């Protein structure tokens, strides 16, 4: 990788951020397309967010991703928020356009692309989303115009209710909500086609936790866990034991990252290259995303 005075700088900010695999896939894409760009991780604490954004302006960083816990708190610090991202109330991608920082959210479209490429049908289906936080909101907004029925479950029911009410005007889906507990899950999952875990339950260092009692899982449902650390969460292991189809968080990582790449460069990201580099880095069996 050539680095010189004309190299464009991209990155990701978060706290923590050391675990991020985004540098792996973005640098692979830059190198493959022979772009003079580099992508690095910046550890930014919440108290330092404002000064970090000012620094990025001064250094003319071309674009960056935003991960927890900054997806919402960054909104008042940037110049413009794309319409859908503004509705969601969170951004995960920033583009520096001639000194103006513009925010986007690629989590929703990344999820749709991941499901589509995995040949998982959405039309006419019942989808259950666990979590009404930043990722859950983005995904629910994307699904509202794609599915027959959308159910949003969250530990705080009021948060799920608020999101469901917002989504009533976004598409044709029947949208319901409830508290994320065993009783609600028992009723909801009986005829569900896809479950998407948009909570952090099961993420390192809480690998022994799961948002769903294994007795409620069955072979007829597809389980998509957005967590990718660990790659195979307890939820996915227990779903596989029931012969259910599963997807881990790498699918969203790659597809939302590809959408960010296109926002920054106006070029289609080389998905196969991203996947090959990622699987080689993690020493896992290669699974194509395209």
C-alpha atoms as a PDB file:
ATOM      1  CA  UNK A   1       0.000   0.000   0.000  1.00  0.00           C
ATOM      2  CA  UNK A   2       1.496   3.318  -1.106  1.00  0.00           C
ATOM      3  CA  UNK A   3       1.258   6.217   1.349  1.00  0.00           C
ATOM      4  CA  UNK A   4       2.352   9.677   0.244  1.00  0.00           C
ATOM      5  CA  UNK A   5       1.339  13.323   0.376  1.00  0.00           C
ATOM      6  CA  UNK A   6      -1.769  12.667  -1.702  1.00  0.00           C
ATOM      7  CA  UNK A   7      -3.105   9.721   0.316  1.00  0.00           C
ATOM      8  CA  UNK A   8      -6.726  10.222   1.377  1.00  0.00           C
ATOM      9  CA  UNK A   9      -7.528   9.280   4.966  1.00  0.00           C
ATOM     10  CA  UNK A  10     -10.651   7.441   6.145  1.00  0.00           C
ATOM     11  CA  UNK A  11     -11.427   5.758   9.440  1.00  0.00           C
ATOM     12  CA  UNK A  12     -13.789   4.653  12.159  1.00  0.00           C
ATOM     13  CA  UNK A  13     -14.444   6.241  15.551  1.00  0.00           C
ATOM     14  CA  UNK A  14     -15.816   4.457  18.593  1.00  0.00           C
ATOM     15  CA  UNK A  15     -15.233   3.459  22.203  1.00  0.00           C
ATOM     16  CA  UNK A  16     -14.026   0.755  22.188  1.00  0.00           C
ATOM     17  CA  UNK A  17     -12.850   0.439  18.611  1.00  0.00           C
ATOM     18  CA  UNK A  18      -9.793  -1.813  18.781  1.00  0.00           C
ATOM     19  CA  UNK A  19     -11.890  -4.880  17.909  1.00  0.00           C
ATOM     20  CA  UNK A  20     -13.245  -3.349  14.679  1.00  0.00           C
ATOM     21  CA  UNK A  21     -12.801  -5.325  11.472  1.00  0.00           C
ATOM     22  CA  UNK A  22     -13.745  -2.351   9.290  1.00  0.00           C
ATOM     23  CA  UNK A  23     -10.077  -1.459   8.585  1.00  0.00           C
ATOM     24  CA  UNK A  24      -9.553  -4.990   7.244  1.00  0.00           C
ATOM     25  CA  UNK A  25     -12.322  -4.813   4.648  1.00  0.00           C
ATOM     26  CA  UNK A  26     -11.989  -1.140   3.678  1.00  0.00           C
ATOM     27  CA  UNK A  27      -8.219  -1.258   3.143  1.00  0.00           C
ATOM     28  CA  UNK A  28      -8.640  -4.435   1.089  1.00  0.00           C
ATOM     29  CA  UNK A  29     -11.156  -2.617  -1.122  1.00  0.00           C
ATOM     30  CA  UNK A  30      -8.928   0.451  -1.511  1.00  0.00           C
ATOM     31  CA  UNK A  31      -5.918  -1.685  -2.415  1.00  0.00           C
ATOM     32  CA  UNK A  32      -7.812  -3.853  -4.902  1.00  0.00           C
ATOM     33  CA  UNK A  33      -9.163  -0.818  -6.756  1.00  0.00           C
ATOM     34  CA  UNK A  34      -5.727   0.863  -6.591  1.00  0.00           C
ATOM     35  CA  UNK A  35      -7.065   3.888  -4.742  1.00  0.00           C
ATOM     36  CA  UNK A  36      -4.551   6.015  -2.865  1.00  0.00           C
ATOM     37  CA  UNK A  37      -6.494   5.791   0.393  1.00  0.00           C
ATOM     38  CA  UNK A  38      -6.003   4.354   3.860  1.00  0.00           C
ATOM     39  CA  UNK A  39      -8.510   3.504   6.622  1.00  0.00           C
ATOM     40  CA  UNK A  40      -7.623   3.469  10.323  1.00  0.00           C
ATOM     41  CA  UNK A  41      -9.372   3.118  13.690  1.00  0.00           C
ATOM     42  CA  UNK A  42      -9.591   6.087  16.063  1.00  0.00           C
ATOM     43  CA  UNK A  43     -10.389   5.452  19.723  1.00  0.00           C
ATOM     44  CA  UNK A  44     -12.602   8.400  20.664  1.00  0.00           C
ATOM     45  CA  UNK A  45     -14.140   8.642  24.135  1.00  0.00           C
ATOM     46  CA  UNK A  46     -17.532  10.283  24.548  1.00  0.00           C
ATOM     47  CA  UNK A  47     -16.091  13.294  26.364  1.00  0.00           C
ATOM     48  CA  UNK A  48     -13.661  13.884  23.488  1.00  0.00           C
ATOM     49  CA  UNK A  49     -16.149  13.515  20.627  1.00  0.00           C
ATOM     50  CA  UNK A  50     -16.576  17.218  19.871  1.00  0.00           C
ATOM     51  CA  UNK A  51     -12.852  17.928  19.789  1.00  0.00           C
ATOM     52  CA  UNK A  52     -12.286  14.793  17.694  1.00  0.00           C
ATOM     53  CA  UNK A  53     -14.801  15.970  15.073  1.00  0.00           C
ATOM     54  CA  UNK A  54     -13.189  19.412  15.003  1.00  0.00           C
ATOM     55  CA  UNK A  55      -9.839  17.724  14.524  1.00  0.00           C
ATOM     56  CA  UNK A  56     -11.177  15.674  11.625  1.00  0.00           C
ATOM     57  CA  UNK A  57     -12.373  18.844   9.962  1.00  0.00           C
ATOM     58  CA  UNK A  58      -8.973  20.476  10.425  1.00  0.00           C
ATOM     59  CA  UNK A  59      -7.103  17.432   9.131  1.00  0.00           C
ATOM     60  CA  UNK A  60      -9.489  17.156   6.174  1.00  0.00           C
ATOM     61  CA  UNK A  61     -10.225  13.488   6.793  1.00  0.00           C
ATOM     62  CA  UNK A  62     -12.315  12.413   3.811  1.00  0.00           C
ATOM     63  CA  UNK A  63     -14.812  10.190   5.588  1.00  0.00           C
ATOM     64  CA  UNK A  64     -15.323   7.886   8.521  1.00  0.00           C
ATOM     65  CA  UNK A  65     -17.610   5.334  10.084  1.00  0.00           C
ATOM     66  CA  UNK A  66     -19.207   5.838  13.485  1.00  0.00           C
ATOM     67  CA  UNK A  67     -19.791   3.027  15.944  1.00  0.00           C
ATOM     68  CA  UNK A  68     -20.945   2.781  19.554  1.00  0.00           C
ATOM     69  CA  UNK A  69     -21.496   4.920  21.524  1.00  0.00           C
ATOM     70  CA  UNK A  70     -21.394   7.872  19.102  1.00  0.00           C
ATOM     71  CA  UNK A  71     -24.056   7.119  16.477  1.00  0.00           C
ATOM     72  CA  UNK A  72     -26.587   9.472  18.073  1.00  0.00           C
ATOM     73  CA  UNK A  73     -24.451  11.956  19.994  1.00  0.00           C
ATOM     74  CA  UNK A  74     -22.569  12.911  16.835  1.00  0.00           C
ATOM     75  CA  UNK A  75     -25.692  14.322  15.153  1.00  0.00           C
ATOM     76  CA  UNK A  76     -25.467  17.912  16.477  1.00  0.00           C
ATOM     77  CA  UNK A  77     -21.751  18.042  15.651  1.00  0.00           C
ATOM     78  CA  UNK A  78     -22.065  17.560  11.880  1.00  0.00           C
ATOM     79  CA  UNK A  79     -23.385  19.891   9.194  1.00  0.00           C
ATOM     80  CA  UNK A  80     -26.085  17.817   7.538  1.00  0.00           C
ATOM     81  CA  UNK A  81     -27.900  14.519   8.035  1.00  0.00           C
ATOM     82  CA  UNK A  82     -29.358  12.576   5.128  1.00  0.00           C
ATOM     83  CA  UNK A  83     -33.168  12.393   5.299  1.00  0.00           C
ATOM     84  CA  UNK A  84     -33.514   8.692   6.219  1.00  0.00           C
ATOM     85  CA  UNK A  85     -30.693   8.886   8.773  1.00  0.00           C
ATOM     86  CA  UNK A  86     -32.404  11.889  10.354  1.00  0.00           C
ATOM     87  CA  UNK A  87     -35.607   9.878  10.783  1.00  0.00           C
ATOM     88  CA  UNK A  88     -33.655   6.993  12.272  1.00  0.00           C
ATOM     89  CA  UNK A  89     -31.866   9.398  14.602  1.00  0.00           C
ATOM     90  CA  UNK A  90     -28.454   7.802  14.160  1.00  0.00           C
ATOM     91  CA  UNK A  91     -25.603   7.838  11.656  1.00  0.00           C
ATOM     92  CA  UNK A  92     -22.814   5.355  11.046  1.00  0.00           C
ATOM     93  CA  UNK A  93     -21.167   6.971   8.030  1.00  0.00           C
ATOM     94  CA  UNK A  94     -19.802  10.494   7.563  1.00  0.00           C
ATOM     95  CA  UNK A  95     -18.641  12.004   4.276  1.00  0.00           C
ATOM     96  CA  UNK A  96     -16.515  15.144   4.204  1.00  0.00           C
ATOM     97  CA  UNK A  97     -17.878  17.007   1.201  1.00  0.00           C
ATOM     98  CA  UNK A  98     -15.746  20.100   0.624  1.00  0.00           C
ATOM     99  CA  UNK A  99     -15.504  20.767   4.342  1.00  0.00           C
ATOM    100  CA  UNK A 100     -19.116  19.881   5.159  1.00  0.00           C
ATOM    101  CA  UNK A 101     -19.651  16.744   7.223  1.00  0.00           C
ATOM    102  CA  UNK A 102     -22.716  14.833   5.998  1.00  0.00           C
ATOM    103  CA  UNK A 103     -24.138  11.895   7.949  1.00  0.00           C
ATOM    104  CA  UNK A 104     -25.700   8.709   6.562  1.00  0.00           C
ATOM    105  CA  UNK A 105     -26.928   5.413   7.965  1.00  0.00           C
ATOM    106  CA  UNK A 106     -26.044   2.242   6.043  1.00  0.00           C
ATOM    107  CA  UNK A 107     -27.173  -0.329   8.638  1.00  0.00           C
ATOM    108  CA  UNK A 108     -30.659  -0.709   7.167  1.00  0.00           C
ATOM    109  CA  UNK A 109     -29.715  -1.107   3.521  1.00  0.00           C
ATOM    110  CA  UNK A 110     -26.772  -3.279   4.588  1.00  0.00           C
ATOM    111  CA  UNK A 111     -29.171  -5.648   6.341  1.00  0.00           C
ATOM    112  CA  UNK A 112     -31.459  -5.839   3.315  1.00  0.00           C
ATOM    113  CA  UNK A 113     -28.503  -6.576   1.028  1.00  0.00           C
ATOM    114  CA  UNK A 114     -27.192  -9.249   3.417  1.00  0.00           C
ATOM    115  CA  UNK A 115     -30.572 -11.012   3.497  1.00  0.00           C
ATOM    116  CA  UNK A 116     -31.024 -10.697  -0.262  1.00  0.00           C
ATOM    117  CA  UNK A 117     -27.562 -12.095  -1.048  1.00  0.00           C
ATOM    118  CA  UNK A 118     -28.222 -14.986   1.350  1.00  0.00           C
ATOM    119  CA  UNK A 119     -31.419 -15.732  -0.625  1.00  0.00           C
ATOM    120  CA  UNK A 120     -33.701 -15.017   2.298  1.00  0.00           C
ATOM    121  CA  UNK A 121     -37.102 -13.810   1.138  1.00  0.00           C
ATOM    122  CA  UNK A 122     -38.731 -10.793   2.790  1.00  0.00           C
ATOM    123  CA  UNK A 123     -41.816 -10.230   0.665  1.00  0.00           C
ATOM    124  CA  UNK A 124     -44.920 -11.525   2.408  1.00  0.00           C
ATOM    125  CA  UNK A 125     -42.922 -12.585   5.457  1.00  0.00           C
ATOM    126  CA  UNK A 126     -43.116 -11.930   9.197  1.00  0.00           C
ATOM    127  CA  UNK A 127     -39.893 -10.477  10.605  1.00  0.00           C
ATOM    128  CA  UNK A 128     -39.103 -10.043  14.288  1.00  0.00           C
ATOM    129  CA  UNK A 129     -36.513  -7.441  15.264  1.00  0.00           C
ATOM    130  CA  UNK A 130     -35.020  -7.637  18.741  1.00  0.00           C
ATOM    131  CA  UNK A 131     -33.921  -4.204  19.920  1.00  0.00           C
ATOM    132  CA  UNK A 132     -35.078  -0.652  19.230  1.00  0.00           C
ATOM    133  CA  UNK A 133     -31.730   1.096  19.604  1.00  0.00           C
ATOM    134  CA  UNK A 134     -29.616   2.561  16.799  1.00  0.00           C
ATOM    135  CA  UNK A 135     -29.213  -0.637  14.749  1.00  0.00           C
ATOM    136  CA  UNK A 136     -32.757  -1.823  15.485  1.00  0.00           C
ATOM    137  CA  UNK A 137     -34.201   1.505  14.348  1.00  0.00           C
ATOM    138  CA  UNK A 138     -32.219   1.547  11.097  1.00  0.00           C
ATOM    139  CA  UNK A 139     -33.160  -2.033  10.264  1.00  0.00           C
ATOM    140  CA  UNK A 140     -36.830  -1.542  11.144  1.00  0.00           C
ATOM    141  CA  UNK A 141     -37.042   1.529   8.891  1.00  0.00           C
ATOM    142  CA  UNK A 142     -35.565  -0.496   6.027  1.00  0.00           C
ATOM    143  CA  UNK A 143     -37.890  -3.468   6.583  1.00  0.00           C
ATOM    144  CA  UNK A 144     -41.124  -1.485   6.963  1.00  0.00           C
ATOM    145  CA  UNK A 145     -41.647  -1.255   3.206  1.00  0.00           C
ATOM    146  CA  UNK A 146     -40.335  -4.752   2.394  1.00  0.00           C
ATOM    147  CA  UNK A 147     -42.253  -7.208   4.579  1.00  0.00           C
ATOM    148  CA  UNK A 148     -45.816  -8.216   5.370  1.00  0.00           C
ATOM    149  CA  UNK A 149     -45.485  -8.049   9.148  1.00  0.00           C
ATOM    150  CA  UNK A 150     -42.837  -6.464  11.359  1.00  0.00           C
ATOM    151  CA  UNK A 151     -42.654  -7.071  15.108  1.00  0.00           C
ATOM    152  CA  UNK A 152     -40.345  -4.927  17.251  1.00  0.00           C
ATOM    153  CA  UNK A 153     -39.425  -6.234  20.691  1.00  0.00           C
ATOM    154  CA  UNK A 154     -37.351  -4.307  23.213  1.00  0.00           C
ATOM    155  CA  UNK A 155     -36.540  -4.613  26.906  1.00  0.00           C
ATOM    156  CA  UNK A 156     -38.147  -1.194  27.399  1.00  0.00           C
ATOM    157  CA  UNK A 157     -41.521  -1.607  25.710  1.00  0.00           C
ATOM    158  CA  UNK A 158     -42.136   2.138  25.437  1.00  0.00           C
ATOM    159  CA  UNK A 159     -39.111   2.458  23.157  1.00  0.00           C
ATOM    160  CA  UNK A 160     -40.472  -0.294  20.892  1.00  0.00           C
ATOM    161  CA  UNK A 161     -43.897   1.371  20.885  1.00  0.00           C
ATOM    162  CA  UNK A 162     -42.441   4.739  19.857  1.00  0.00           C
ATOM    163  CA  UNK A 163     -40.547   3.173  16.959  1.00  0.00           C
ATOM    164  CA  UNK A 164     -43.594   1.182  15.815  1.00  0.00           C
ATOM    165  CA  UNK A 165     -45.712   4.345  15.786  1.00  0.00           C
ATOM    166  CA  UNK A 166     -43.086   6.183  13.713  1.00  0.00           C
ATOM    167  CA  UNK A 167     -43.021   3.358  11.183  1.00  0.00           C
ATOM    168  CA  UNK A 168     -46.775   3.284  10.564  1.00  0.00           C
ATOM    169  CA  UNK A 169     -46.333   5.837   7.754  1.00  0.00           C
ATOM    170  CA  UNK A 170     -43.157   4.292   6.291  1.00  0.00           C
ATOM    171  CA  UNK A 171     -44.594   1.297   4.440  1.00  0.00           C
ATOM    172  CA  UNK A 172     -47.403  -1.197   4.041  1.00  0.00           C
ATOM    173  CA  UNK A 173     -46.292  -3.664   6.715  1.00  0.00           C
ATOM    174  CA  UNK A 174     -48.423  -4.494   9.728  1.00  0.00           C
ATOM    175  CA  UNK A 175     -46.263  -3.259  12.595  1.00  0.00           C
ATOM    176  CA  UNK A 176     -46.623  -4.414  16.177  1.00  0.00           C
ATOM    177  CA  UNK A 177     -44.423  -4.166  19.256  1.00  0.00           C
ATOM    178  CA  UNK A 178     -43.897  -5.647  22.680  1.00  0.00           C
ATOM    179  CA  UNK A 179     -41.519  -6.182  25.547  1.00  0.00           C
ATOM    180  CA  UNK A 180     -38.605  -8.509  24.924  1.00  0.00           C
ATOM    181  CA  UNK A 181     -39.347 -11.384  27.291  1.00  0.00           C
ATOM    182  CA  UNK A 182     -40.083 -15.109  27.112  1.00  0.00           C
ATOM    183  CA  UNK A 183     -43.852 -14.694  27.140  1.00  0.00           C
ATOM    184  CA  UNK A 184     -43.910 -12.262  24.224  1.00  0.00           C
ATOM    185  CA  UNK A 185     -41.355 -14.297  22.295  1.00  0.00           C
ATOM    186  CA  UNK A 186     -43.386 -17.470  22.758  1.00  0.00           C
ATOM    187  CA  UNK A 187     -46.403 -15.825  21.108  1.00  0.00           C
ATOM    188  CA  UNK A 188     -44.454 -13.978  18.439  1.00  0.00           C
ATOM    189  CA  UNK A 189     -42.050 -16.614  17.166  1.00  0.00           C
ATOM    190  CA  UNK A 190     -44.642 -19.316  16.406  1.00  0.00           C
ATOM    191  CA  UNK A 191     -45.126 -18.095  12.834  1.00  0.00           C
ATOM    192  CA  UNK A 192     -42.063 -15.861  12.366  1.00  0.00           C
ATOM    193  CA  UNK A 193     -39.930 -16.290   9.241  1.00  0.00           C
ATOM    194  CA  UNK A 194     -36.849 -14.274  10.247  1.00  0.00           C
ATOM    195  CA  UNK A 195     -35.478 -13.128  13.615  1.00  0.00           C
ATOM    196  CA  UNK A 196     -32.917 -10.313  13.665  1.00  0.00           C
ATOM    197  CA  UNK A 197     -31.005  -9.736  16.889  1.00  0.00           C
ATOM    198  CA  UNK A 198     -30.106  -6.033  16.941  1.00  0.00           C
ATOM    199  CA  UNK A 199     -29.231  -6.046  20.657  1.00  0.00           C
ATOM    200  CA  UNK A 200     -25.760  -6.494  22.155  1.00  0.00           C
ATOM    201  CA  UNK A 201     -26.843  -9.620  24.066  1.00  0.00           C
ATOM    202  CA  UNK A 202     -24.311 -12.360  23.380  1.00  0.00           C
ATOM    203  CA  UNK A 203     -21.489  -9.991  22.470  1.00  0.00           C
ATOM    204  CA  UNK A 204     -18.041 -10.458  24.016  1.00  0.00           C
ATOM    205  CA  UNK A 205     -17.488 -10.622  26.981  1.00  0.00           C
ATOM    206  CA  UNK A 206     -21.051 -11.905  27.564  1.00  0.00           C
ATOM    207  CA  UNK A 207     -20.856 -14.941  25.273  1.00  0.00           C
ATOM    208  CA  UNK A 208     -22.992 -17.072  27.575  1.00  0.00           C
ATOM    209  CA  UNK A 209     -26.050 -14.865  27.196  1.00  0.00           C
ATOM    210  CA  UNK A 210     -28.819 -15.088  24.602  1.00  0.00           C
ATOM    211  CA  UNK A 211     -31.948 -12.997  23.996  1.00  0.00           C
ATOM    212  CA  UNK A 212     -34.087 -16.066  23.185  1.00  0.00           C
ATOM    213  CA  UNK A 213     -34.727 -19.234  25.164  1.00  0.00           C
ATOM    214  CA  UNK A 214     -33.584 -22.131  22.971  1.00  0.00           C
ATOM    215  CA  UNK A 215     -36.937 -23.878  23.481  1.00  0.00           C
ATOM    216  CA  UNK A 216     -38.563 -21.130  21.410  1.00  0.00           C
ATOM    217  CA  UNK A 217     -36.402 -21.721  18.315  1.00  0.00           C
ATOM    218  CA  UNK A 218     -37.339 -24.006  15.428  1.00  0.00           C
ATOM    219  CA  UNK A 219     -36.089 -25.114  12.015  1.00  0.00           C
ATOM    220  CA  UNK A 220     -38.591 -22.947  10.121  1.00  0.00           C
ATOM    221  CA  UNK A 221     -37.028 -19.647  11.130  1.00  0.00           C
ATOM    222  CA  UNK A 222     -33.892 -17.851   9.917  1.00  0.00           C
ATOM    223  CA  UNK A 223     -31.844 -16.251  12.707  1.00  0.00           C
ATOM    224  CA  UNK A 224     -29.647 -13.249  11.840  1.00  0.00           C
ATOM    225  CA  UNK A 225     -27.472 -12.112  14.757  1.00  0.00           C
ATOM    226  CA  UNK A 226     -25.758  -8.784  14.108  1.00  0.00           C
ATOM    227  CA  UNK A 227     -23.103  -9.573  16.708  1.00  0.00           C
ATOM    228  CA  UNK A 228     -19.792 -10.723  15.189  1.00  0.00           C
ATOM    229  CA  UNK A 229     -17.677 -11.000  18.318  1.00  0.00           C
ATOM    230  CA  UNK A 230     -17.930 -13.946  18.841  1.00  0.00           C
ATOM    231  CA  UNK A 231     -18.662 -15.080  15.288  1.00  0.00           C
ATOM    232  CA  UNK A 232     -21.004 -17.774  16.532  1.00  0.00           C
ATOM    233  CA  UNK A 233     -23.049 -16.480  19.445  1.00  0.00           C
ATOM    234  CA  UNK A 234     -24.972 -18.669  21.835  1.00  0.00           C
ATOM    235  CA  UNK A 235     -28.130 -17.676  19.962  1.00  0.00           C
ATOM    236  CA  UNK A 236     -26.697 -18.919  16.651  1.00  0.00           C
ATOM    237  CA  UNK A 237     -25.386 -22.147  18.175  1.00  0.00           C
ATOM    238  CA  UNK A 238     -28.783 -22.945  19.656  1.00  0.00           C
ATOM    239  CA  UNK A 239     -30.567 -22.014  16.429  1.00  0.00           C
ATOM    240  CA  UNK A 240     -28.282 -24.315  14.447  1.00  0.00           C
ATOM    241  CA  UNK A 241     -29.031 -27.120  16.905  1.00  0.00           C
ATOM    242  CA  UNK A 242     -32.666 -26.754  15.816  1.00  0.00           C
ATOM    243  CA  UNK A 243     -31.623 -26.900  12.138  1.00  0.00           C
ATOM    244  CA  UNK A 244     -32.500 -23.234  11.615  1.00  0.00           C
ATOM    245  CA  UNK A 245     -30.672 -21.209   8.961  1.00  0.00           C
ATOM    246  CA  UNK A 246     -28.306 -18.658  10.540  1.00  0.00           C
ATOM    247  CA  UNK A 247     -26.320 -15.568   9.581  1.00  0.00           C
ATOM    248  CA  UNK A 248     -23.685 -13.914  11.752  1.00  0.00           C
ATOM    249  CA  UNK A 249     -22.761 -10.261  12.051  1.00  0.00           C
ATOM    250  CA  UNK A 250     -20.053 -10.397   9.390  1.00  0.00           C
ATOM    251  CA  UNK A 251     -22.793 -10.284   6.749  1.00  0.00           C
ATOM    252  CA  UNK A 252     -23.950  -6.878   7.980  1.00  0.00           C
ATOM    253  CA  UNK A 253     -20.380  -5.683   8.531  1.00  0.00           C
ATOM    254  CA  UNK A 254     -19.453  -6.293   4.902  1.00  0.00           C
ATOM    255  CA  UNK A 255     -22.653  -5.020   3.290  1.00  0.00           C
ATOM    256  CA  UNK A 256     -23.012  -1.859   5.375  1.00  0.00           C
ATOM    257  CA  UNK A 257     -19.284  -1.274   4.827  1.00  0.00           C
ATOM    258  CA  UNK A 258     -19.763  -1.629   1.075  1.00  0.00           C
ATOM    259  CA  UNK A 259     -22.516   1.002   1.201  1.00  0.00           C
ATOM    260  CA  UNK A 260     -20.205   3.356   3.133  1.00  0.00           C
ATOM    261  CA  UNK A 261     -17.452   2.744   0.566  1.00  0.00           C
ATOM    262  CA  UNK A 262     -19.788   3.774  -2.244  1.00  0.00           C
ATOM    263  CA  UNK A 263     -20.845   6.934  -0.407  1.00  0.00           C
ATOM    264  CA  UNK A 264     -17.194   7.969  -0.064  1.00  0.00           C
ATOM    265  CA  UNK A 265     -15.870   6.969  -3.479  1.00  0.00           C
ATOM    266  CA  UNK A 266     -18.909   6.722  -5.803  1.00  0.00           C
ATOM    267  CA  UNK A 267     -17.579   3.251  -6.700  1.00  0.00           C
ATOM    268  CA  UNK A 268     -19.072  -0.197  -6.108  1.00  0.00           C
ATOM    269  CA  UNK A 269     -17.147  -2.000  -3.404  1.00  0.00           C
ATOM    270  CA  UNK A 270     -15.455  -5.307  -4.373  1.00  0.00           C
ATOM    271  CA  UNK A 271     -17.525  -7.571  -2.115  1.00  0.00           C
ATOM    272  CA  UNK A 272     -15.647 -10.764  -2.975  1.00  0.00           C
ATOM    273  CA  UNK A 273     -12.336  -9.141  -2.095  1.00  0.00           C
ATOM    274  CA  UNK A 274     -13.730  -7.864   1.208  1.00  0.00           C
ATOM    275  CA  UNK A 275     -14.996 -11.345   2.100  1.00  0.00           C
ATOM    276  CA  UNK A 276     -11.844 -13.181   1.082  1.00  0.00           C
ATOM    277  CA  UNK A 277      -9.687 -10.795   3.101  1.00  0.00           C
ATOM    278  CA  UNK A 278     -11.992 -11.016   6.094  1.00  0.00           C
ATOM    279  CA  UNK A 279     -12.184 -14.798   6.119  1.00  0.00           C
ATOM    280  CA  UNK A 280      -8.422 -15.076   5.659  1.00  0.00           C
ATOM    281  CA  UNK A 281      -7.834 -12.646   8.528  1.00  0.00           C
ATOM    282  CA  UNK A 282     -10.173 -14.562  10.826  1.00  0.00           C
ATOM    283  CA  UNK A 283      -8.993 -17.986   9.613  1.00  0.00           C
ATOM    284  CA  UNK A 284     -12.554 -19.157   8.986  1.00  0.00           C
ATOM    285  CA  UNK A 285     -14.208 -20.993   6.127  1.00  0.00           C
ATOM    286  CA  UNK A 286     -14.945 -18.654   3.269  1.00  0.00           C
ATOM    287  CA  UNK A 287     -18.583 -17.803   2.678  1.00  0.00           C
ATOM    288  CA  UNK A 288     -19.330 -15.545  -0.253  1.00  0.00           C
ATOM    289  CA  UNK A 289     -21.429 -12.432   0.316  1.00  0.00           C
ATOM    290  CA  UNK A 290     -22.114 -11.792  -3.341  1.00  0.00           C
END
